[in-house]
Amino acid sequence: MNWPARLIVIGTHCLFRECLASMLYKIGRYHVIHHTGDFQQAIERVEQNCPDVLVIDLNEPGASAVELVRGTRHHCPEVKIVILGTGTADSAILKCIEAGAGACVSKESSLRELCTVIERVLAGEAIYSPQIAYSMFARLAELSRERARSERVEALELTPREMEILQLIAEGMSNRCIAEQLSLSVYTVKNHVHHILEKLHVHDRREAVEHAHARHWLHPASPAAVGRGRLSAAGV
């Protein structure tokens, strides 16, 4: 890391930006190479100047800030991003963190605390308040529950017969063997397999089995079942 660190400050209040730039400059370890209140053009400044740190004052509806964070992470992934927020874990802050912000500092913090966070972020750390960390874990838990609900709904889209055939496919049985096992015609089994692939949005039998195993839909195959044949993408 070459000092002074090069910063760009983004925020809608010009007086705040200028004061922050001046105070950081006086410390001697930071140089604000640009500051602006235009969130839409800020990403261009980031690309042109490639700063070490982007400081975003989150004092407006968070959509613009989130897009700025997302754009910076996409175009300049090496740039560290620090959000200046209210200190509460509101949705705008969480969305910025999800988009790639590396730290959030309450605007009630001191300049020394801000500098400490900037240096720790430059060292590769992620810094969040306990309230924000709690909200992040709660958000992850909610996303996990949503994924589980989605997977259960997806499983329910398969009929009991389709689930039965999928289990037999996983045990290595061909369409002909499945037809004999279930007293169905090969044509009927092929139709069921086609519907399974279509509903799961996969291309072949192997992908369907991998998809089902990843979601724990299938029972472990017995040694006898495994011996009935190997899984075939063609499945005749």
C-alpha atoms as a PDB file:
ATOM      1  CA  MET A   1       0.000   0.000   0.000  1.00  0.00           C
ATOM      2  CA  ASN A   2       1.413   3.362  -1.069  1.00  0.00           C
ATOM      3  CA  TRP A   3       0.542   6.265   1.203  1.00  0.00           C
ATOM      4  CA  PRO A   4      -1.202   8.632   1.161  1.00  0.00           C
ATOM      5  CA  ALA A   5      -4.243   6.514   0.324  1.00  0.00           C
ATOM      6  CA  ARG A   6      -6.287   7.910  -2.559  1.00  0.00           C
ATOM      7  CA  LEU A   7      -9.964   8.449  -1.771  1.00  0.00           C
ATOM      8  CA  ILE A   8     -13.087   9.502  -3.633  1.00  0.00           C
ATOM      9  CA  VAL A   9     -15.965  10.804  -1.507  1.00  0.00           C
ATOM     10  CA  ILE A  10     -19.549  10.552  -2.794  1.00  0.00           C
ATOM     11  CA  GLY A  11     -22.446  12.328  -1.106  1.00  0.00           C
ATOM     12  CA  THR A  12     -25.176  14.832  -1.841  1.00  0.00           C
ATOM     13  CA  HIS A  13     -24.071  17.452   0.738  1.00  0.00           C
ATOM     14  CA  CYS A  14     -21.229  19.530  -0.674  1.00  0.00           C
ATOM     15  CA  LEU A  15     -20.273  21.111   2.665  1.00  0.00           C
ATOM     16  CA  PHE A  16     -19.958  17.701   4.302  1.00  0.00           C
ATOM     17  CA  ARG A  17     -17.805  16.384   1.442  1.00  0.00           C
ATOM     18  CA  GLU A  18     -15.495  19.392   1.466  1.00  0.00           C
ATOM     19  CA  CYS A  19     -15.074  19.316   5.251  1.00  0.00           C
ATOM     20  CA  LEU A  20     -14.353  15.604   5.227  1.00  0.00           C
ATOM     21  CA  ALA A  21     -11.810  16.006   2.417  1.00  0.00           C
ATOM     22  CA  SER A  22     -10.090  18.826   4.270  1.00  0.00           C
ATOM     23  CA  MET A  23      -9.906  16.940   7.572  1.00  0.00           C
ATOM     24  CA  LEU A  24      -8.549  13.792   5.925  1.00  0.00           C
ATOM     25  CA  TYR A  25      -5.930  15.832   4.071  1.00  0.00           C
ATOM     26  CA  LYS A  26      -4.699  17.388   7.315  1.00  0.00           C
ATOM     27  CA  ILE A  27      -4.032  13.928   8.756  1.00  0.00           C
ATOM     28  CA  GLY A  28      -1.433  13.392   6.040  1.00  0.00           C
ATOM     29  CA  ARG A  29      -2.276   9.769   5.240  1.00  0.00           C
ATOM     30  CA  TYR A  30      -5.189  10.431   2.914  1.00  0.00           C
ATOM     31  CA  HIS A  31      -5.706  12.350  -0.274  1.00  0.00           C
ATOM     32  CA  VAL A  32      -9.242  12.946  -1.569  1.00  0.00           C
ATOM     33  CA  ILE A  33      -8.630  13.046  -5.311  1.00  0.00           C
ATOM     34  CA  HIS A  34     -12.275  13.807  -6.092  1.00  0.00           C
ATOM     35  CA  HIS A  35     -15.632  14.345  -4.433  1.00  0.00           C
ATOM     36  CA  THR A  36     -19.032  14.617  -6.035  1.00  0.00           C
ATOM     37  CA  GLY A  37     -22.723  14.485  -5.270  1.00  0.00           C
ATOM     38  CA  ASP A  38     -23.695  12.937  -8.607  1.00  0.00           C
ATOM     39  CA  PHE A  39     -24.219   9.257  -7.932  1.00  0.00           C
ATOM     40  CA  GLN A  40     -24.930   8.516 -11.590  1.00  0.00           C
ATOM     41  CA  GLN A  41     -21.583   9.883 -12.793  1.00  0.00           C
ATOM     42  CA  ALA A  42     -19.564   8.755  -9.795  1.00  0.00           C
ATOM     43  CA  ILE A  43     -18.759   5.355 -11.303  1.00  0.00           C
ATOM     44  CA  GLU A  44     -17.064   7.131 -14.232  1.00  0.00           C
ATOM     45  CA  ARG A  45     -14.860   9.028 -11.767  1.00  0.00           C
ATOM     46  CA  VAL A  46     -14.006   5.794 -10.024  1.00  0.00           C
ATOM     47  CA  GLU A  47     -13.000   4.142 -13.312  1.00  0.00           C
ATOM     48  CA  GLN A  48     -10.953   7.172 -14.394  1.00  0.00           C
ATOM     49  CA  ASN A  49      -9.107   7.670 -11.102  1.00  0.00           C
ATOM     50  CA  CYS A  50      -8.992   4.135  -9.654  1.00  0.00           C
ATOM     51  CA  PRO A  51      -8.869   5.233  -5.984  1.00  0.00           C
ATOM     52  CA  ASP A  52      -7.853   3.038  -3.081  1.00  0.00           C
ATOM     53  CA  VAL A  53     -11.072   3.733  -1.208  1.00  0.00           C
ATOM     54  CA  LEU A  54     -14.548   4.926  -2.165  1.00  0.00           C
ATOM     55  CA  VAL A  55     -16.413   6.617   0.709  1.00  0.00           C
ATOM     56  CA  ILE A  56     -20.169   6.881   0.152  1.00  0.00           C
ATOM     57  CA  ASP A  57     -22.310   9.106   2.361  1.00  0.00           C
ATOM     58  CA  LEU A  58     -25.651   7.295   2.415  1.00  0.00           C
ATOM     59  CA  ASN A  59     -27.926  10.269   2.959  1.00  0.00           C
ATOM     60  CA  GLU A  60     -30.482   9.679   0.225  1.00  0.00           C
ATOM     61  CA  PRO A  61     -32.691   6.769  -0.869  1.00  0.00           C
ATOM     62  CA  GLY A  62     -30.281   3.894  -1.255  1.00  0.00           C
ATOM     63  CA  ALA A  63     -30.940   2.862  -4.875  1.00  0.00           C
ATOM     64  CA  SER A  64     -28.246   5.149  -6.325  1.00  0.00           C
ATOM     65  CA  ALA A  65     -25.707   4.129  -3.697  1.00  0.00           C
ATOM     66  CA  VAL A  66     -26.392   0.436  -4.282  1.00  0.00           C
ATOM     67  CA  GLU A  67     -25.895   0.847  -8.022  1.00  0.00           C
ATOM     68  CA  LEU A  68     -22.664   2.730  -7.370  1.00  0.00           C
ATOM     69  CA  VAL A  69     -21.374  -0.033  -5.100  1.00  0.00           C
ATOM     70  CA  ARG A  70     -22.389  -2.708  -7.590  1.00  0.00           C
ATOM     71  CA  GLY A  71     -20.798  -0.821 -10.493  1.00  0.00           C
ATOM     72  CA  THR A  72     -17.577  -0.256  -8.583  1.00  0.00           C
ATOM     73  CA  ARG A  73     -17.298  -3.922  -7.633  1.00  0.00           C
ATOM     74  CA  HIS A  74     -17.865  -4.880 -11.267  1.00  0.00           C
ATOM     75  CA  HIS A  75     -15.509  -2.408 -12.947  1.00  0.00           C
ATOM     76  CA  CYS A  76     -12.902  -1.833 -10.209  1.00  0.00           C
ATOM     77  CA  PRO A  77     -13.036  -4.816  -7.813  1.00  0.00           C
ATOM     78  CA  GLU A  78      -9.788  -3.762  -6.128  1.00  0.00           C
ATOM     79  CA  VAL A  79     -11.369  -0.528  -4.803  1.00  0.00           C
ATOM     80  CA  LYS A  80     -12.420  -0.733  -1.142  1.00  0.00           C
ATOM     81  CA  ILE A  81     -15.848   0.682  -0.300  1.00  0.00           C
ATOM     82  CA  VAL A  82     -16.852   2.348   2.977  1.00  0.00           C
ATOM     83  CA  ILE A  83     -20.456   3.372   3.629  1.00  0.00           C
ATOM     84  CA  LEU A  84     -21.264   6.285   5.949  1.00  0.00           C
ATOM     85  CA  GLY A  85     -24.683   5.522   7.407  1.00  0.00           C
ATOM     86  CA  THR A  86     -26.940   6.241  10.326  1.00  0.00           C
ATOM     87  CA  GLY A  87     -25.584   3.379  12.393  1.00  0.00           C
ATOM     88  CA  THR A  88     -28.829   1.454  12.149  1.00  0.00           C
ATOM     89  CA  ALA A  89     -29.143  -1.616   9.968  1.00  0.00           C
ATOM     90  CA  ASP A  90     -31.670  -0.203   7.510  1.00  0.00           C
ATOM     91  CA  SER A  91     -32.396  -1.867   4.179  1.00  0.00           C
ATOM     92  CA  ALA A  92     -30.264   0.592   2.171  1.00  0.00           C
ATOM     93  CA  ILE A  93     -27.136  -0.246   4.189  1.00  0.00           C
ATOM     94  CA  LEU A  94     -27.772  -3.988   3.969  1.00  0.00           C
ATOM     95  CA  LYS A  95     -28.282  -3.744   0.212  1.00  0.00           C
ATOM     96  CA  CYS A  96     -24.977  -1.868  -0.135  1.00  0.00           C
ATOM     97  CA  ILE A  97     -23.234  -4.579   1.887  1.00  0.00           C
ATOM     98  CA  GLU A  98     -24.833  -7.293  -0.243  1.00  0.00           C
ATOM     99  CA  ALA A  99     -23.618  -5.395  -3.330  1.00  0.00           C
ATOM    100  CA  GLY A 100     -20.028  -5.442  -2.040  1.00  0.00           C
ATOM    101  CA  ALA A 101     -19.367  -2.643   0.462  1.00  0.00           C
ATOM    102  CA  GLY A 102     -16.551  -3.629   2.825  1.00  0.00           C
ATOM    103  CA  ALA A 103     -17.464  -1.475   5.816  1.00  0.00           C
ATOM    104  CA  CYS A 104     -20.139   0.723   7.317  1.00  0.00           C
ATOM    105  CA  VAL A 105     -19.351   3.602   9.656  1.00  0.00           C
ATOM    106  CA  SER A 106     -21.954   5.507  11.628  1.00  0.00           C
ATOM    107  CA  LYS A 107     -21.984   9.237  10.921  1.00  0.00           C
ATOM    108  CA  GLU A 108     -22.000   9.652  14.680  1.00  0.00           C
ATOM    109  CA  SER A 109     -18.461   8.218  14.752  1.00  0.00           C
ATOM    110  CA  SER A 110     -15.369  10.374  15.151  1.00  0.00           C
ATOM    111  CA  LEU A 111     -12.873  11.148  12.385  1.00  0.00           C
ATOM    112  CA  ARG A 112     -10.355   8.932  14.180  1.00  0.00           C
ATOM    113  CA  GLU A 113     -12.807   6.026  14.106  1.00  0.00           C
ATOM    114  CA  LEU A 114     -13.414   6.574  10.391  1.00  0.00           C
ATOM    115  CA  CYS A 115      -9.667   6.557   9.715  1.00  0.00           C
ATOM    116  CA  THR A 116      -9.269   3.359  11.712  1.00  0.00           C
ATOM    117  CA  VAL A 117     -11.969   1.683   9.632  1.00  0.00           C
ATOM    118  CA  ILE A 118     -10.417   2.909   6.371  1.00  0.00           C
ATOM    119  CA  GLU A 119      -7.017   1.503   7.349  1.00  0.00           C
ATOM    120  CA  ARG A 120      -8.501  -1.826   8.402  1.00  0.00           C
ATOM    121  CA  VAL A 121     -10.474  -2.051   5.147  1.00  0.00           C
ATOM    122  CA  LEU A 122      -7.282  -1.328   3.202  1.00  0.00           C
ATOM    123  CA  ALA A 123      -5.700  -4.191   5.137  1.00  0.00           C
ATOM    124  CA  GLY A 124      -8.413  -6.512   3.821  1.00  0.00           C
ATOM    125  CA  GLU A 125     -10.857  -6.563   6.731  1.00  0.00           C
ATOM    126  CA  ALA A 126     -14.627  -6.151   6.616  1.00  0.00           C
ATOM    127  CA  ILE A 127     -15.936  -3.850   9.346  1.00  0.00           C
ATOM    128  CA  TYR A 128     -19.571  -3.712  10.480  1.00  0.00           C
ATOM    129  CA  SER A 129     -21.310  -2.665  13.675  1.00  0.00           C
ATOM    130  CA  PRO A 130     -22.852  -5.374  15.891  1.00  0.00           C
ATOM    131  CA  GLN A 131     -26.347  -4.247  14.844  1.00  0.00           C
ATOM    132  CA  ILE A 132     -25.492  -4.573  11.157  1.00  0.00           C
ATOM    133  CA  ALA A 133     -23.730  -7.918  11.680  1.00  0.00           C
ATOM    134  CA  TYR A 134     -26.842  -9.222  13.476  1.00  0.00           C
ATOM    135  CA  SER A 135     -29.080  -8.002  10.636  1.00  0.00           C
ATOM    136  CA  MET A 136     -26.769  -9.606   8.053  1.00  0.00           C
ATOM    137  CA  PHE A 137     -27.013 -12.990   9.774  1.00  0.00           C
ATOM    138  CA  ALA A 138     -30.777 -12.573  10.049  1.00  0.00           C
ATOM    139  CA  ARG A 139     -30.903 -11.785   6.340  1.00  0.00           C
ATOM    140  CA  LEU A 140     -28.824 -14.880   5.519  1.00  0.00           C
ATOM    141  CA  ALA A 141     -31.167 -16.998   7.621  1.00  0.00           C
ATOM    142  CA  GLU A 142     -34.172 -15.575   5.798  1.00  0.00           C
ATOM    143  CA  LEU A 143     -32.555 -16.237   2.400  1.00  0.00           C
ATOM    144  CA  SER A 144     -31.889 -19.819   3.505  1.00  0.00           C
ATOM    145  CA  ARG A 145     -35.524 -20.245   4.530  1.00  0.00           C
ATOM    146  CA  GLU A 146     -36.689 -18.763   1.223  1.00  0.00           C
ATOM    147  CA  ARG A 147     -34.453 -21.161  -0.687  1.00  0.00           C
ATOM    148  CA  ALA A 148     -35.777 -24.126   1.305  1.00  0.00           C
ATOM    149  CA  ARG A 149     -39.368 -23.021   0.636  1.00  0.00           C
ATOM    150  CA  SER A 150     -38.575 -22.643  -3.070  1.00  0.00           C
ATOM    151  CA  GLU A 151     -37.045 -26.114  -3.212  1.00  0.00           C
ATOM    152  CA  ARG A 152     -40.054 -27.641  -1.430  1.00  0.00           C
ATOM    153  CA  VAL A 153     -42.401 -25.987  -3.920  1.00  0.00           C
ATOM    154  CA  GLU A 154     -40.210 -27.250  -6.754  1.00  0.00           C
ATOM    155  CA  ALA A 155     -40.358 -30.788  -5.375  1.00  0.00           C
ATOM    156  CA  LEU A 156     -44.145 -30.590  -5.073  1.00  0.00           C
ATOM    157  CA  GLU A 157     -44.334 -29.795  -8.794  1.00  0.00           C
ATOM    158  CA  LEU A 158     -43.221 -33.368  -9.476  1.00  0.00           C
ATOM    159  CA  THR A 159     -46.004 -35.937  -9.219  1.00  0.00           C
ATOM    160  CA  PRO A 160     -45.568 -38.965  -6.917  1.00  0.00           C
ATOM    161  CA  ARG A 161     -45.016 -41.101 -10.021  1.00  0.00           C
ATOM    162  CA  GLU A 162     -42.344 -38.729 -11.333  1.00  0.00           C
ATOM    163  CA  MET A 163     -40.574 -38.775  -7.965  1.00  0.00           C
ATOM    164  CA  GLU A 164     -40.704 -42.575  -8.025  1.00  0.00           C
ATOM    165  CA  ILE A 165     -39.180 -42.662 -11.505  1.00  0.00           C
ATOM    166  CA  LEU A 166     -36.542 -40.124 -10.528  1.00  0.00           C
ATOM    167  CA  GLN A 167     -35.570 -42.377  -7.603  1.00  0.00           C
ATOM    168  CA  LEU A 168     -35.224 -45.351  -9.950  1.00  0.00           C
ATOM    169  CA  ILE A 169     -33.173 -43.282 -12.391  1.00  0.00           C
ATOM    170  CA  ALA A 170     -30.854 -42.407  -9.506  1.00  0.00           C
ATOM    171  CA  GLU A 171     -30.498 -46.134  -8.799  1.00  0.00           C
ATOM    172  CA  GLY A 172     -29.140 -46.636 -12.305  1.00  0.00           C
ATOM    173  CA  MET A 173     -32.163 -48.100 -13.995  1.00  0.00           C
ATOM    174  CA  SER A 174     -32.830 -47.616 -17.706  1.00  0.00           C
ATOM    175  CA  ASN A 175     -36.226 -46.610 -19.066  1.00  0.00           C
ATOM    176  CA  ARG A 176     -36.907 -50.237 -20.011  1.00  0.00           C
ATOM    177  CA  CYS A 177     -36.061 -51.510 -16.529  1.00  0.00           C
ATOM    178  CA  ILE A 178     -38.202 -48.791 -14.950  1.00  0.00           C
ATOM    179  CA  ALA A 179     -41.097 -49.753 -17.222  1.00  0.00           C
ATOM    180  CA  GLU A 180     -40.804 -53.389 -16.131  1.00  0.00           C
ATOM    181  CA  GLN A 181     -40.477 -52.439 -12.473  1.00  0.00           C
ATOM    182  CA  LEU A 182     -43.590 -50.241 -12.530  1.00  0.00           C
ATOM    183  CA  SER A 183     -45.601 -52.214 -15.106  1.00  0.00           C
ATOM    184  CA  LEU A 184     -45.635 -49.279 -17.514  1.00  0.00           C
ATOM    185  CA  SER A 185     -44.847 -48.982 -21.186  1.00  0.00           C
ATOM    186  CA  VAL A 186     -41.431 -47.650 -22.178  1.00  0.00           C
ATOM    187  CA  TYR A 187     -43.237 -44.839 -24.007  1.00  0.00           C
ATOM    188  CA  THR A 188     -44.990 -43.788 -20.758  1.00  0.00           C
ATOM    189  CA  VAL A 189     -41.723 -43.827 -18.838  1.00  0.00           C
ATOM    190  CA  LYS A 190     -40.049 -41.694 -21.508  1.00  0.00           C
ATOM    191  CA  ASN A 191     -42.888 -39.165 -21.210  1.00  0.00           C
ATOM    192  CA  HIS A 192     -42.429 -39.034 -17.441  1.00  0.00           C
ATOM    193  CA  VAL A 193     -38.677 -38.533 -17.821  1.00  0.00           C
ATOM    194  CA  HIS A 194     -39.292 -35.728 -20.307  1.00  0.00           C
ATOM    195  CA  HIS A 195     -41.641 -33.993 -17.854  1.00  0.00           C
ATOM    196  CA  ILE A 196     -39.108 -34.390 -15.023  1.00  0.00           C
ATOM    197  CA  LEU A 197     -36.340 -32.747 -17.065  1.00  0.00           C
ATOM    198  CA  GLU A 198     -38.687 -29.971 -18.135  1.00  0.00           C
ATOM    199  CA  LYS A 199     -39.915 -29.208 -14.625  1.00  0.00           C
ATOM    200  CA  LEU A 200     -36.412 -29.210 -13.142  1.00  0.00           C
ATOM    201  CA  HIS A 201     -34.985 -27.136 -16.013  1.00  0.00           C
ATOM    202  CA  VAL A 202     -32.163 -29.614 -16.637  1.00  0.00           C
ATOM    203  CA  HIS A 203     -30.852 -31.163 -19.838  1.00  0.00           C
ATOM    204  CA  ASP A 204     -30.457 -34.854 -19.052  1.00  0.00           C
ATOM    205  CA  ARG A 205     -31.002 -37.616 -16.510  1.00  0.00           C
ATOM    206  CA  ARG A 206     -27.618 -37.116 -14.847  1.00  0.00           C
ATOM    207  CA  GLU A 207     -28.374 -33.439 -14.162  1.00  0.00           C
ATOM    208  CA  ALA A 208     -31.819 -34.370 -12.847  1.00  0.00           C
ATOM    209  CA  VAL A 209     -30.287 -36.795 -10.347  1.00  0.00           C
ATOM    210  CA  GLU A 210     -27.615 -34.281  -9.271  1.00  0.00           C
ATOM    211  CA  HIS A 211     -30.355 -31.671  -8.851  1.00  0.00           C
ATOM    212  CA  ALA A 212     -32.424 -34.022  -6.695  1.00  0.00           C
ATOM    213  CA  HIS A 213     -29.456 -35.187  -4.604  1.00  0.00           C
ATOM    214  CA  ALA A 214     -28.447 -31.597  -3.885  1.00  0.00           C
ATOM    215  CA  ARG A 215     -31.918 -31.009  -2.446  1.00  0.00           C
ATOM    216  CA  HIS A 216     -32.025 -34.308  -0.511  1.00  0.00           C
ATOM    217  CA  TRP A 217     -35.106 -35.575  -2.341  1.00  0.00           C
ATOM    218  CA  LEU A 218     -33.777 -39.091  -2.896  1.00  0.00           C
ATOM    219  CA  HIS A 219     -33.280 -42.109  -0.667  1.00  0.00           C
ATOM    220  CA  PRO A 220     -29.824 -43.743  -0.633  1.00  0.00           C
ATOM    221  CA  ALA A 221     -29.693 -46.529  -3.217  1.00  0.00           C
ATOM    222  CA  SER A 222     -29.239 -50.052  -1.858  1.00  0.00           C
ATOM    223  CA  PRO A 223     -26.346 -52.200  -3.172  1.00  0.00           C
ATOM    224  CA  ALA A 224     -28.887 -54.353  -5.007  1.00  0.00           C
ATOM    225  CA  ALA A 225     -30.378 -51.290  -6.673  1.00  0.00           C
ATOM    226  CA  VAL A 226     -26.982 -50.004  -7.721  1.00  0.00           C
ATOM    227  CA  GLY A 227     -26.250 -53.360  -9.263  1.00  0.00           C
ATOM    228  CA  ARG A 228     -29.257 -53.117 -11.556  1.00  0.00           C
ATOM    229  CA  GLY A 229     -27.355 -50.874 -13.922  1.00  0.00           C
ATOM    230  CA  ARG A 230     -25.433 -47.682 -14.381  1.00  0.00           C
ATOM    231  CA  LEU A 231     -26.984 -44.262 -14.905  1.00  0.00           C
ATOM    232  CA  SER A 232     -27.201 -43.440 -18.607  1.00  0.00           C
ATOM    233  CA  ALA A 233     -27.867 -40.054 -20.159  1.00  0.00           C
ATOM    234  CA  ALA A 234     -29.693 -41.794 -23.001  1.00  0.00           C
ATOM    235  CA  GLY A 235     -31.607 -44.116 -20.696  1.00  0.00           C
ATOM    236  CA  VAL A 236     -33.139 -46.736 -23.053  1.00  0.00           C
END
